[in-house]
Amino acid sequence: MTSSSDHSRRPGSPSPAVTQAMQAAALLRAWDATSPRQEHDLARALELVHAVDCCRRDHFVPGHFTASAFVLSPDRTHFLLIFHDKLERWLQPGGHVEPTDRGLESAARREVEEETGLVAHDLSIEHEGLFDLDVHRLPGRADEPAHEHFDLRFLFRARQTDVRAGDGVRAARWLSLAEVATLGDASVRRVGERLVARTGF
């Protein structure tokens, strides 16, 4: 069966999966790793982009790309975290890339809107290109095997601060950069420390 996205594509143009893989490759090649761990993760991510379906949620070996967002408050003193319903941790908004996403940055914007209510097009880009990469393992479940998420992370700034808990989210909250050190997981704390150094707050 031909999908609606196939009908809307120009003859000879790449499929959404190919376009997303190409975008992931370009983002990763332009990104500078700052530690041996990140250099290792970057090398593995650059291998993953050779799989055409590397952004599909059912690509399990070794895993697939996801997209997430760190969102600064308008005055850059706080950033937005969500309390994830299933994982029961404070994390940045993010999730799987959908075939309908125009790009990986668009996927991150969509996740912010779905999970916090901030309108996607009201987010201004605070850092051009990829801001951070994190690779983490998810345990197996009844409906899927254990696999890894290669999380492509973007940095935005919001124009306003009204948020609500959305899909799969128990709470959405603005936290001071200092608070992140006590509430976020290790990868969130690492980014929080980087933002403190960047903003001075």
Protein backbone atom coordinates (compact mmCIF):
# COMPACT_ATOMS: atom_id res chain seq x y z
CA MET A 1 0.00 0.00 0.00
CA THR A 2 1.29 3.47 -0.86
CA SER A 3 1.26 6.01 1.97
CA SER A 4 -0.06 9.56 1.65
CA SER A 5 3.50 10.83 2.10
CA ASP A 6 4.55 8.75 -0.93
CA HIS A 7 1.78 10.37 -3.01
CA SER A 8 2.86 13.89 -2.00
CA ARG A 9 6.54 13.27 -2.79
CA ARG A 10 7.94 14.42 -6.10
CA PRO A 11 9.13 11.62 -8.40
CA GLY A 12 12.79 10.94 -7.71
CA SER A 13 12.84 12.84 -4.42
CA PRO A 14 14.17 11.01 -1.34
CA SER A 15 11.76 9.38 1.08
CA PRO A 16 11.23 10.97 4.53
CA ALA A 17 13.38 8.22 6.07
CA VAL A 18 16.28 8.98 3.72
CA THR A 19 15.91 12.73 4.28
CA GLN A 20 15.95 12.29 8.05
CA ALA A 21 19.03 10.05 7.88
CA MET A 22 20.81 12.63 5.71
CA GLN A 23 19.92 15.38 8.17
CA ALA A 24 21.21 13.32 11.08
CA ALA A 25 24.49 12.77 9.26
CA ALA A 26 24.90 16.49 8.51
CA LEU A 27 24.13 17.50 12.10
CA LEU A 28 26.57 14.97 13.53
CA ARG A 29 29.40 15.83 11.14
CA ALA A 30 29.14 19.51 12.12
CA TRP A 31 29.08 18.78 15.87
CA ASP A 32 32.17 18.94 18.08
CA ALA A 33 32.46 16.28 20.77
CA THR A 34 34.00 17.59 23.99
CA SER A 35 34.97 14.37 25.81
CA PRO A 36 36.23 10.86 25.01
CA ARG A 37 32.77 9.48 25.81
CA GLN A 38 31.15 11.88 23.36
CA GLU A 39 33.75 11.07 20.71
CA HIS A 40 32.86 7.38 21.10
CA ASP A 41 29.12 8.11 20.92
CA LEU A 42 29.62 10.34 17.88
CA ALA A 43 31.53 7.63 16.03
CA ARG A 44 28.75 5.12 16.73
CA ALA A 45 26.06 7.61 15.68
CA LEU A 46 27.86 8.24 12.39
CA GLU A 47 27.79 4.49 11.76
CA LEU A 48 24.06 4.38 12.48
CA VAL A 49 23.20 6.98 9.83
CA HIS A 50 24.13 4.45 7.14
CA ALA A 51 20.92 2.58 7.97
CA VAL A 52 18.16 4.21 5.91
CA ASP A 53 15.58 3.55 8.63
CA CYS A 54 17.79 4.82 11.47
CA CYS A 55 15.10 7.26 12.66
CA ARG A 56 12.32 4.68 12.81
CA ARG A 57 11.22 3.63 16.26
CA ASP A 58 11.27 -0.05 15.22
CA HIS A 59 14.95 0.00 14.20
CA PHE A 60 16.36 -1.85 17.21
CA VAL A 61 19.89 -2.92 16.27
CA PRO A 62 21.61 -1.16 17.86
CA GLY A 63 18.79 1.39 18.14
CA HIS A 64 17.49 4.56 16.52
CA PHE A 65 17.73 8.33 16.62
CA THR A 66 15.40 10.37 18.81
CA ALA A 67 15.06 14.15 19.08
CA SER A 68 14.79 16.29 22.19
CA ALA A 69 15.02 19.90 23.29
CA PHE A 70 16.51 21.94 26.08
CA VAL A 71 14.36 25.05 26.33
CA LEU A 72 15.63 28.17 28.10
CA SER A 73 13.27 30.71 29.64
CA PRO A 74 13.01 34.12 27.94
CA ASP A 75 15.58 35.59 30.36
CA ARG A 76 17.82 32.49 30.08
CA THR A 77 17.80 31.87 33.87
CA HIS A 78 15.69 28.68 33.86
CA PHE A 79 15.07 25.77 31.59
CA LEU A 80 12.15 23.49 31.08
CA LEU A 81 12.00 19.89 32.27
CA ILE A 82 9.20 17.35 32.29
CA PHE A 83 8.53 14.56 34.77
CA HIS A 84 8.25 11.51 32.52
CA ASP A 85 5.31 9.28 33.37
CA LYS A 86 6.93 5.92 32.56
CA LEU A 87 10.54 6.65 33.47
CA GLU A 88 9.61 8.68 36.57
CA ARG A 89 12.48 11.09 36.11
CA TRP A 90 12.93 14.78 35.30
CA LEU A 91 14.04 14.97 31.69
CA GLN A 92 14.01 17.40 28.78
CA PRO A 93 11.05 17.15 26.36
CA GLY A 94 11.71 14.72 23.54
CA GLY A 95 10.87 11.45 21.90
CA HIS A 96 10.66 9.47 18.70
CA VAL A 97 10.98 10.95 15.24
CA GLU A 98 7.80 10.58 13.18
CA PRO A 99 7.74 9.98 9.39
CA THR A 100 5.72 13.21 9.06
CA ASP A 101 8.39 15.37 10.74
CA ARG A 102 9.98 17.75 8.23
CA GLY A 103 13.30 17.38 9.97
CA LEU A 104 14.97 16.47 13.24
CA GLU A 105 14.77 19.98 14.65
CA SER A 106 11.08 19.98 13.73
CA ALA A 107 10.69 16.69 15.60
CA ALA A 108 12.20 18.25 18.72
CA ARG A 109 9.90 21.29 18.40
CA ARG A 110 6.86 19.02 18.02
CA GLU A 111 7.80 17.08 21.14
CA VAL A 112 8.07 20.32 23.14
CA GLU A 113 4.58 21.35 22.04
CA GLU A 114 3.05 17.93 22.73
CA GLU A 115 4.63 17.54 26.15
CA THR A 116 4.57 21.13 27.51
CA GLY A 117 2.10 23.15 25.46
CA LEU A 118 4.72 25.66 24.26
CA VAL A 119 3.94 26.39 20.61
CA ALA A 120 6.62 24.92 18.37
CA HIS A 121 7.03 27.92 16.08
CA ASP A 122 7.37 30.27 19.08
CA LEU A 123 10.68 28.66 20.05
CA SER A 124 13.72 30.56 18.85
CA ILE A 125 16.87 28.64 18.11
CA GLU A 126 19.52 29.38 20.73
CA HIS A 127 22.29 27.27 19.24
CA GLU A 128 22.66 26.57 15.53
CA GLY A 129 22.75 22.88 14.70
CA LEU A 130 23.12 20.07 17.20
CA PHE A 131 23.67 21.14 20.81
CA ASP A 132 24.27 17.75 22.43
CA LEU A 133 24.29 14.02 21.74
CA ASP A 134 23.42 11.37 24.30
CA VAL A 135 23.33 7.61 23.77
CA HIS A 136 21.49 5.57 26.38
CA ARG A 137 20.14 2.03 26.62
CA LEU A 138 16.48 1.15 27.13
CA PRO A 139 15.56 -2.19 28.70
CA GLY A 140 13.51 -4.70 26.74
CA ARG A 141 9.73 -4.85 27.12
CA ALA A 142 7.03 -7.26 26.03
CA ASP A 143 6.56 -5.43 22.73
CA GLU A 144 10.18 -4.52 21.90
CA PRO A 145 13.73 -5.74 22.59
CA ALA A 146 16.37 -3.82 24.54
CA HIS A 147 17.92 -1.15 22.34
CA GLU A 148 19.61 2.25 22.40
CA HIS A 149 18.37 5.77 21.83
CA PHE A 150 20.78 8.05 20.01
CA ASP A 151 19.31 11.32 21.21
CA LEU A 152 19.90 14.41 19.07
CA ARG A 153 19.43 17.43 21.32
CA PHE A 154 18.64 20.99 20.33
CA LEU A 155 18.73 24.23 22.34
CA PHE A 156 15.82 26.70 22.10
CA ARG A 157 14.60 29.77 23.95
CA ALA A 158 10.91 30.26 24.73
CA ARG A 159 9.04 33.54 24.24
CA GLN A 160 6.72 32.92 27.19
CA THR A 161 6.58 30.63 30.22
CA ASP A 162 3.01 29.24 30.36
CA VAL A 163 3.34 25.45 30.29
CA ARG A 164 1.17 22.42 31.00
CA ALA A 165 1.80 18.71 31.32
CA GLY A 166 0.97 16.99 28.02
CA ASP A 167 1.30 13.54 26.48
CA GLY A 168 3.04 11.02 28.75
CA VAL A 169 4.03 13.77 31.17
CA ARG A 170 3.13 14.05 34.84
CA ALA A 171 4.46 17.60 35.28
CA ALA A 172 6.19 20.35 33.29
CA ARG A 173 8.23 22.85 35.24
CA TRP A 174 10.74 25.66 34.81
CA LEU A 175 13.82 24.97 36.93
CA SER A 176 16.73 27.23 37.76
CA LEU A 177 19.98 25.98 36.31
CA ALA A 178 21.15 25.31 39.88
CA GLU A 179 18.08 23.14 40.62
CA VAL A 180 18.84 20.91 37.65
CA ALA A 181 21.87 19.58 39.50
CA THR A 182 19.53 17.97 42.05
CA LEU A 183 16.56 16.89 39.90
CA GLY A 184 17.77 15.87 36.46
CA ASP A 185 19.46 12.63 35.47
CA ALA A 186 23.19 12.54 34.73
CA SER A 187 22.91 13.58 31.08
CA VAL A 188 20.58 16.45 32.00
CA ARG A 189 22.93 17.60 34.76
CA ARG A 190 25.81 17.60 32.27
CA VAL A 191 23.89 19.91 29.97
CA GLY A 192 22.82 22.04 32.93
CA GLU A 193 26.44 22.55 33.90
CA ARG A 194 27.25 23.52 30.33
CA LEU A 195 24.42 26.05 30.30
CA VAL A 196 25.58 27.57 33.59
CA ALA A 197 29.00 28.09 32.05
CA ARG A 198 27.39 29.50 28.89
CA THR A 199 24.93 31.90 30.53
CA GLY A 200 26.67 32.74 33.79
CA PHE A 201 23.57 31.92 35.89
